[in-house]
């Protein structure tokens, strides 16, 4: 995605931006997998695409951690940067987990439950998309020399990520409440649907934590 391309040449942050783009790609494939599953379609391709994107994200994470073991100068502490990498990587990890769980069996055969799950997946995607905008703003912040105006813009994007994560939480509660109140006749299918909803919630939570890991740069 173009907005993650470095405009100041190769750097450890360029790899970080590539990792962010790959995490976003993983979630995009995950949302598609949920949509296909809700329509009783063949999820194999979406599951494979999600797994491949997560693997590529993991390889970039390993590359970044390897570089950080060496002697490198950053505008921020190594501890802060390593936390940023770890929190961002969890987005991709949990997204892959969602598709793994979906692969276990067909979704709970209830139209309303599936509608609620799809709404939740879309809310999660919106949260991650906003996090991607925060990372884009981080790039601008680094290139601006930590300009005050850009710091404030990044802070506001972090706030929005937190608000969207709260909305995603509410969607997860709605999905869970419906599944538990309508799944008595098919408890295994209901439990499976709930597990998918839980892991979707973890993706949104990971995006929130990744956004919050950028806060030290706002106060830099």
C-alpha atoms as a PDB file:
ATOM      1  CA  UNK A   1       0.000   0.000   0.000  1.00  0.00           C
ATOM      2  CA  UNK A   2       1.546   3.266  -1.120  1.00  0.00           C
ATOM      3  CA  UNK A   3       1.078   5.213   2.082  1.00  0.00           C
ATOM      4  CA  UNK A   4       3.452   2.845   3.875  1.00  0.00           C
ATOM      5  CA  UNK A   5       6.321   3.424   1.423  1.00  0.00           C
ATOM      6  CA  UNK A   6       9.217   5.353   2.901  1.00  0.00           C
ATOM      7  CA  UNK A   7       9.875   8.751   1.346  1.00  0.00           C
ATOM      8  CA  UNK A   8      13.279   9.199   3.010  1.00  0.00           C
ATOM      9  CA  UNK A   9      15.081   6.046   1.872  1.00  0.00           C
ATOM     10  CA  UNK A  10      15.679   2.627   3.452  1.00  0.00           C
ATOM     11  CA  UNK A  11      15.574   2.527   7.250  1.00  0.00           C
ATOM     12  CA  UNK A  12      14.381   0.401  10.106  1.00  0.00           C
ATOM     13  CA  UNK A  13      11.163   2.402   9.974  1.00  0.00           C
ATOM     14  CA  UNK A  14      10.652   1.528   6.324  1.00  0.00           C
ATOM     15  CA  UNK A  15      10.601  -2.130   7.366  1.00  0.00           C
ATOM     16  CA  UNK A  16       8.228  -1.242  10.185  1.00  0.00           C
ATOM     17  CA  UNK A  17       5.859   0.417   7.697  1.00  0.00           C
ATOM     18  CA  UNK A  18       6.036  -2.671   5.466  1.00  0.00           C
ATOM     19  CA  UNK A  19       5.181  -4.797   8.486  1.00  0.00           C
ATOM     20  CA  UNK A  20       2.198  -2.561   9.232  1.00  0.00           C
ATOM     21  CA  UNK A  21       0.970  -2.917   5.656  1.00  0.00           C
ATOM     22  CA  UNK A  22       1.311  -6.685   5.863  1.00  0.00           C
ATOM     23  CA  UNK A  23      -0.630  -6.787   9.140  1.00  0.00           C
ATOM     24  CA  UNK A  24      -3.397  -4.780   7.482  1.00  0.00           C
ATOM     25  CA  UNK A  25      -3.385  -7.160   4.519  1.00  0.00           C
ATOM     26  CA  UNK A  26      -3.748 -10.108   6.898  1.00  0.00           C
ATOM     27  CA  UNK A  27      -6.859  -8.555   8.423  1.00  0.00           C
ATOM     28  CA  UNK A  28      -8.321  -7.805   4.999  1.00  0.00           C
ATOM     29  CA  UNK A  29      -8.006 -11.466   4.035  1.00  0.00           C
ATOM     30  CA  UNK A  30      -9.463 -12.439   7.410  1.00  0.00           C
ATOM     31  CA  UNK A  31     -12.547 -10.266   6.908  1.00  0.00           C
ATOM     32  CA  UNK A  32     -13.037 -11.814   3.475  1.00  0.00           C
ATOM     33  CA  UNK A  33     -12.792 -15.260   5.045  1.00  0.00           C
ATOM     34  CA  UNK A  34     -15.521 -14.388   7.548  1.00  0.00           C
ATOM     35  CA  UNK A  35     -17.744 -13.080   4.739  1.00  0.00           C
ATOM     36  CA  UNK A  36     -17.268 -16.248   2.691  1.00  0.00           C
ATOM     37  CA  UNK A  37     -17.933 -18.462   5.718  1.00  0.00           C
ATOM     38  CA  UNK A  38     -21.142 -16.566   6.476  1.00  0.00           C
ATOM     39  CA  UNK A  39     -22.317 -17.452   2.962  1.00  0.00           C
ATOM     40  CA  UNK A  40     -21.279 -21.124   3.311  1.00  0.00           C
ATOM     41  CA  UNK A  41     -18.669 -20.614   0.632  1.00  0.00           C
ATOM     42  CA  UNK A  42     -15.270 -22.243   0.209  1.00  0.00           C
ATOM     43  CA  UNK A  43     -12.939 -20.465   2.635  1.00  0.00           C
ATOM     44  CA  UNK A  44      -9.766 -22.321   1.614  1.00  0.00           C
ATOM     45  CA  UNK A  45      -8.318 -19.534  -0.546  1.00  0.00           C
ATOM     46  CA  UNK A  46      -9.029 -16.785   1.988  1.00  0.00           C
ATOM     47  CA  UNK A  47      -7.571 -18.883   4.803  1.00  0.00           C
ATOM     48  CA  UNK A  48      -4.415 -19.561   2.785  1.00  0.00           C
ATOM     49  CA  UNK A  49      -4.066 -15.875   1.847  1.00  0.00           C
ATOM     50  CA  UNK A  50      -4.438 -14.865   5.494  1.00  0.00           C
ATOM     51  CA  UNK A  51      -1.820 -17.391   6.568  1.00  0.00           C
ATOM     52  CA  UNK A  52       0.610 -16.293   3.858  1.00  0.00           C
ATOM     53  CA  UNK A  53       0.247 -12.624   4.789  1.00  0.00           C
ATOM     54  CA  UNK A  54       0.780 -13.437   8.469  1.00  0.00           C
ATOM     55  CA  UNK A  55       3.910 -15.418   7.621  1.00  0.00           C
ATOM     56  CA  UNK A  56       5.295 -12.485   5.647  1.00  0.00           C
ATOM     57  CA  UNK A  57       4.514 -10.186   8.582  1.00  0.00           C
ATOM     58  CA  UNK A  58       6.296 -12.591  10.905  1.00  0.00           C
ATOM     59  CA  UNK A  59       9.365 -12.604   8.674  1.00  0.00           C
ATOM     60  CA  UNK A  60       9.469  -8.802   8.744  1.00  0.00           C
ATOM     61  CA  UNK A  61       9.102  -8.854  12.538  1.00  0.00           C
ATOM     62  CA  UNK A  62      12.059 -11.247  12.797  1.00  0.00           C
ATOM     63  CA  UNK A  63      14.092  -8.998  10.487  1.00  0.00           C
ATOM     64  CA  UNK A  64      13.308  -5.965  12.619  1.00  0.00           C
ATOM     65  CA  UNK A  65      14.200  -7.693  15.857  1.00  0.00           C
ATOM     66  CA  UNK A  66      17.465  -8.865  14.323  1.00  0.00           C
ATOM     67  CA  UNK A  67      18.398  -5.323  13.349  1.00  0.00           C
ATOM     68  CA  UNK A  68      17.521  -4.073  16.822  1.00  0.00           C
ATOM     69  CA  UNK A  69      20.017  -6.471  18.393  1.00  0.00           C
ATOM     70  CA  UNK A  70      22.782  -4.555  16.671  1.00  0.00           C
ATOM     71  CA  UNK A  71      24.079  -1.030  17.136  1.00  0.00           C
ATOM     72  CA  UNK A  72      21.465   1.323  15.768  1.00  0.00           C
ATOM     73  CA  UNK A  73      20.459   4.892  16.539  1.00  0.00           C
ATOM     74  CA  UNK A  74      16.772   5.805  16.649  1.00  0.00           C
ATOM     75  CA  UNK A  75      14.798   8.925  17.452  1.00  0.00           C
ATOM     76  CA  UNK A  76      13.062   6.828  20.115  1.00  0.00           C
ATOM     77  CA  UNK A  77      14.248   4.190  22.574  1.00  0.00           C
ATOM     78  CA  UNK A  78      14.766   0.604  21.450  1.00  0.00           C
ATOM     79  CA  UNK A  79      12.319  -0.527  24.131  1.00  0.00           C
ATOM     80  CA  UNK A  80       9.542   1.637  22.717  1.00  0.00           C
ATOM     81  CA  UNK A  81      10.252   0.510  19.158  1.00  0.00           C
ATOM     82  CA  UNK A  82      10.344  -3.178  20.097  1.00  0.00           C
ATOM     83  CA  UNK A  83       6.992  -2.773  21.846  1.00  0.00           C
ATOM     84  CA  UNK A  84       5.571  -1.113  18.736  1.00  0.00           C
ATOM     85  CA  UNK A  85       6.696  -4.090  16.655  1.00  0.00           C
ATOM     86  CA  UNK A  86       5.285  -6.654  19.093  1.00  0.00           C
ATOM     87  CA  UNK A  87       1.893  -4.978  19.445  1.00  0.00           C
ATOM     88  CA  UNK A  88       1.554  -4.511  15.694  1.00  0.00           C
ATOM     89  CA  UNK A  89       2.494  -8.126  15.007  1.00  0.00           C
ATOM     90  CA  UNK A  90      -0.295  -9.387  17.276  1.00  0.00           C
ATOM     91  CA  UNK A  91      -2.833  -7.896  14.862  1.00  0.00           C
ATOM     92  CA  UNK A  92      -1.692 -10.319  12.171  1.00  0.00           C
ATOM     93  CA  UNK A  93      -1.361 -13.214  14.640  1.00  0.00           C
ATOM     94  CA  UNK A  94      -4.929 -12.912  15.871  1.00  0.00           C
ATOM     95  CA  UNK A  95      -6.299 -12.392  12.372  1.00  0.00           C
ATOM     96  CA  UNK A  96      -4.744 -15.683  11.311  1.00  0.00           C
ATOM     97  CA  UNK A  97      -6.212 -17.319  14.436  1.00  0.00           C
ATOM     98  CA  UNK A  98      -9.695 -16.218  13.333  1.00  0.00           C
ATOM     99  CA  UNK A  99      -9.363 -18.058  10.044  1.00  0.00           C
ATOM    100  CA  UNK A 100      -7.875 -21.105  11.744  1.00  0.00           C
ATOM    101  CA  UNK A 101     -10.919 -21.356  14.004  1.00  0.00           C
ATOM    102  CA  UNK A 102     -13.264 -20.862  11.052  1.00  0.00           C
ATOM    103  CA  UNK A 103     -11.557 -23.803   9.319  1.00  0.00           C
ATOM    104  CA  UNK A 104     -12.613 -26.213  12.073  1.00  0.00           C
ATOM    105  CA  UNK A 105     -16.281 -26.493  11.068  1.00  0.00           C
ATOM    106  CA  UNK A 106     -19.149 -24.625   9.347  1.00  0.00           C
ATOM    107  CA  UNK A 107     -20.453 -21.565  11.142  1.00  0.00           C
ATOM    108  CA  UNK A 108     -23.546 -21.683  13.360  1.00  0.00           C
ATOM    109  CA  UNK A 109     -26.435 -22.026  10.888  1.00  0.00           C
ATOM    110  CA  UNK A 110     -28.438 -19.007  11.970  1.00  0.00           C
ATOM    111  CA  UNK A 111     -28.902 -16.013   9.674  1.00  0.00           C
ATOM    112  CA  UNK A 112     -29.037 -13.433  12.459  1.00  0.00           C
ATOM    113  CA  UNK A 113     -25.969 -14.828  14.196  1.00  0.00           C
ATOM    114  CA  UNK A 114     -24.048 -14.674  10.936  1.00  0.00           C
ATOM    115  CA  UNK A 115     -25.229 -11.130  10.267  1.00  0.00           C
ATOM    116  CA  UNK A 116     -24.030 -10.054  13.703  1.00  0.00           C
ATOM    117  CA  UNK A 117     -20.690 -11.791  13.214  1.00  0.00           C
ATOM    118  CA  UNK A 118     -20.197 -10.076   9.867  1.00  0.00           C
ATOM    119  CA  UNK A 119     -20.990  -6.701  11.422  1.00  0.00           C
ATOM    120  CA  UNK A 120     -18.419  -7.426  14.083  1.00  0.00           C
ATOM    121  CA  UNK A 121     -15.806  -8.351  11.465  1.00  0.00           C
ATOM    122  CA  UNK A 122     -16.493  -5.076   9.653  1.00  0.00           C
ATOM    123  CA  UNK A 123     -16.125  -3.130  12.910  1.00  0.00           C
ATOM    124  CA  UNK A 124     -12.808  -4.864  13.532  1.00  0.00           C
ATOM    125  CA  UNK A 125     -11.660  -4.016  10.015  1.00  0.00           C
ATOM    126  CA  UNK A 126     -12.606  -0.372  10.573  1.00  0.00           C
ATOM    127  CA  UNK A 127     -10.507  -0.313  13.752  1.00  0.00           C
ATOM    128  CA  UNK A 128      -7.487  -1.753  11.965  1.00  0.00           C
ATOM    129  CA  UNK A 129      -7.952   0.624   9.027  1.00  0.00           C
ATOM    130  CA  UNK A 130      -7.828   3.560  11.417  1.00  0.00           C
ATOM    131  CA  UNK A 131      -4.690   2.134  12.997  1.00  0.00           C
ATOM    132  CA  UNK A 132      -3.177   2.026   9.500  1.00  0.00           C
ATOM    133  CA  UNK A 133      -3.928   5.747   9.197  1.00  0.00           C
ATOM    134  CA  UNK A 134      -2.134   6.296  12.507  1.00  0.00           C
ATOM    135  CA  UNK A 135       0.941   4.519  11.143  1.00  0.00           C
ATOM    136  CA  UNK A 136       0.797   6.691   8.036  1.00  0.00           C
ATOM    137  CA  UNK A 137       0.688   9.730  10.302  1.00  0.00           C
ATOM    138  CA  UNK A 138       3.639   8.329  12.266  1.00  0.00           C
ATOM    139  CA  UNK A 139       5.656   8.339   9.055  1.00  0.00           C
ATOM    140  CA  UNK A 140       4.732  11.964   8.521  1.00  0.00           C
ATOM    141  CA  UNK A 141       5.683  12.725  12.128  1.00  0.00           C
ATOM    142  CA  UNK A 142       9.138  11.183  11.732  1.00  0.00           C
ATOM    143  CA  UNK A 143       9.748  13.078   8.504  1.00  0.00           C
ATOM    144  CA  UNK A 144       8.584  16.356  10.071  1.00  0.00           C
ATOM    145  CA  UNK A 145      11.109  16.132  12.905  1.00  0.00           C
ATOM    146  CA  UNK A 146       8.305  15.594  15.444  1.00  0.00           C
ATOM    147  CA  UNK A 147       6.364  18.724  14.512  1.00  0.00           C
ATOM    148  CA  UNK A 148       3.808  19.702  17.163  1.00  0.00           C
ATOM    149  CA  UNK A 149       0.933  19.856  14.686  1.00  0.00           C
ATOM    150  CA  UNK A 150       1.622  16.340  13.414  1.00  0.00           C
ATOM    151  CA  UNK A 151       1.948  15.044  16.970  1.00  0.00           C
ATOM    152  CA  UNK A 152      -1.547  16.308  17.705  1.00  0.00           C
ATOM    153  CA  UNK A 153      -2.929  14.771  14.512  1.00  0.00           C
ATOM    154  CA  UNK A 154      -1.397  11.417  15.435  1.00  0.00           C
ATOM    155  CA  UNK A 155      -2.811  11.676  18.939  1.00  0.00           C
ATOM    156  CA  UNK A 156      -6.284  12.266  17.544  1.00  0.00           C
ATOM    157  CA  UNK A 157      -5.985   9.198  15.297  1.00  0.00           C
ATOM    158  CA  UNK A 158      -4.995   7.111  18.326  1.00  0.00           C
ATOM    159  CA  UNK A 159      -8.094   8.386  20.123  1.00  0.00           C
ATOM    160  CA  UNK A 160     -10.268   7.356  17.173  1.00  0.00           C
ATOM    161  CA  UNK A 161      -8.721   3.864  17.147  1.00  0.00           C
ATOM    162  CA  UNK A 162      -9.674   3.517  20.811  1.00  0.00           C
ATOM    163  CA  UNK A 163     -13.231   4.654  20.088  1.00  0.00           C
ATOM    164  CA  UNK A 164     -13.594   2.242  17.178  1.00  0.00           C
ATOM    165  CA  UNK A 165     -12.250  -0.602  19.301  1.00  0.00           C
ATOM    166  CA  UNK A 166     -14.971   0.174  21.855  1.00  0.00           C
ATOM    167  CA  UNK A 167     -17.583  -0.066  19.085  1.00  0.00           C
ATOM    168  CA  UNK A 168     -16.086  -3.385  17.970  1.00  0.00           C
ATOM    169  CA  UNK A 169     -16.350  -4.600  21.572  1.00  0.00           C
ATOM    170  CA  UNK A 170     -20.045  -3.758  21.555  1.00  0.00           C
ATOM    171  CA  UNK A 171     -20.490  -5.784  18.353  1.00  0.00           C
ATOM    172  CA  UNK A 172     -18.770  -8.749  20.011  1.00  0.00           C
ATOM    173  CA  UNK A 173     -21.128  -8.507  22.990  1.00  0.00           C
ATOM    174  CA  UNK A 174     -24.129  -8.457  20.643  1.00  0.00           C
ATOM    175  CA  UNK A 175     -22.865 -11.508  18.763  1.00  0.00           C
ATOM    176  CA  UNK A 176     -22.154 -13.439  21.955  1.00  0.00           C
ATOM    177  CA  UNK A 177     -25.494 -12.551  23.551  1.00  0.00           C
ATOM    178  CA  UNK A 178     -27.424 -13.721  20.505  1.00  0.00           C
ATOM    179  CA  UNK A 179     -25.436 -16.928  20.074  1.00  0.00           C
ATOM    180  CA  UNK A 180     -25.806 -17.931  23.717  1.00  0.00           C
ATOM    181  CA  UNK A 181     -29.539 -17.226  23.717  1.00  0.00           C
ATOM    182  CA  UNK A 182     -30.257 -19.091  20.464  1.00  0.00           C
ATOM    183  CA  UNK A 183     -27.741 -21.925  20.408  1.00  0.00           C
ATOM    184  CA  UNK A 184     -29.248 -24.439  22.836  1.00  0.00           C
ATOM    185  CA  UNK A 185     -30.132 -26.919  20.093  1.00  0.00           C
ATOM    186  CA  UNK A 186     -26.645 -26.824  18.537  1.00  0.00           C
ATOM    187  CA  UNK A 187     -24.255 -26.106  21.410  1.00  0.00           C
ATOM    188  CA  UNK A 188     -21.083 -27.099  19.520  1.00  0.00           C
ATOM    189  CA  UNK A 189     -21.896 -24.797  16.622  1.00  0.00           C
ATOM    190  CA  UNK A 190     -22.793 -21.993  19.027  1.00  0.00           C
ATOM    191  CA  UNK A 191     -19.553 -22.451  20.968  1.00  0.00           C
ATOM    192  CA  UNK A 192     -17.605 -22.385  17.716  1.00  0.00           C
ATOM    193  CA  UNK A 193     -19.295 -19.159  16.622  1.00  0.00           C
ATOM    194  CA  UNK A 194     -18.553 -17.608  20.005  1.00  0.00           C
ATOM    195  CA  UNK A 195     -14.888 -18.566  19.698  1.00  0.00           C
ATOM    196  CA  UNK A 196     -14.700 -16.844  16.320  1.00  0.00           C
ATOM    197  CA  UNK A 197     -16.297 -13.734  17.821  1.00  0.00           C
ATOM    198  CA  UNK A 198     -13.858 -13.770  20.728  1.00  0.00           C
ATOM    199  CA  UNK A 199     -10.839 -13.973  18.464  1.00  0.00           C
ATOM    200  CA  UNK A 200     -12.210 -11.224  16.225  1.00  0.00           C
ATOM    201  CA  UNK A 201     -12.401  -9.097  19.353  1.00  0.00           C
ATOM    202  CA  UNK A 202      -8.752  -9.895  20.018  1.00  0.00           C
ATOM    203  CA  UNK A 203      -7.856  -8.434  16.608  1.00  0.00           C
ATOM    204  CA  UNK A 204      -9.544  -5.136  17.498  1.00  0.00           C
ATOM    205  CA  UNK A 205      -7.911  -5.156  20.926  1.00  0.00           C
ATOM    206  CA  UNK A 206      -4.524  -5.710  19.295  1.00  0.00           C
ATOM    207  CA  UNK A 207      -5.080  -2.725  17.005  1.00  0.00           C
ATOM    208  CA  UNK A 208      -5.933  -0.589  20.027  1.00  0.00           C
ATOM    209  CA  UNK A 209      -2.801  -1.698  21.883  1.00  0.00           C
ATOM    210  CA  UNK A 210      -0.687  -1.107  18.773  1.00  0.00           C
ATOM    211  CA  UNK A 211      -2.097   2.401  18.458  1.00  0.00           C
ATOM    212  CA  UNK A 212      -1.457   3.100  22.133  1.00  0.00           C
ATOM    213  CA  UNK A 213       2.144   1.916  21.726  1.00  0.00           C
ATOM    214  CA  UNK A 214       2.634   5.030  19.570  1.00  0.00           C
ATOM    215  CA  UNK A 215       1.765   7.368  22.444  1.00  0.00           C
ATOM    216  CA  UNK A 216       5.375   7.785  23.619  1.00  0.00           C
ATOM    217  CA  UNK A 217       6.138   9.357  20.232  1.00  0.00           C
ATOM    218  CA  UNK A 218       3.364  11.881  20.706  1.00  0.00           C
ATOM    219  CA  UNK A 219       4.983  13.054  23.945  1.00  0.00           C
ATOM    220  CA  UNK A 220       8.505  12.925  22.464  1.00  0.00           C
END
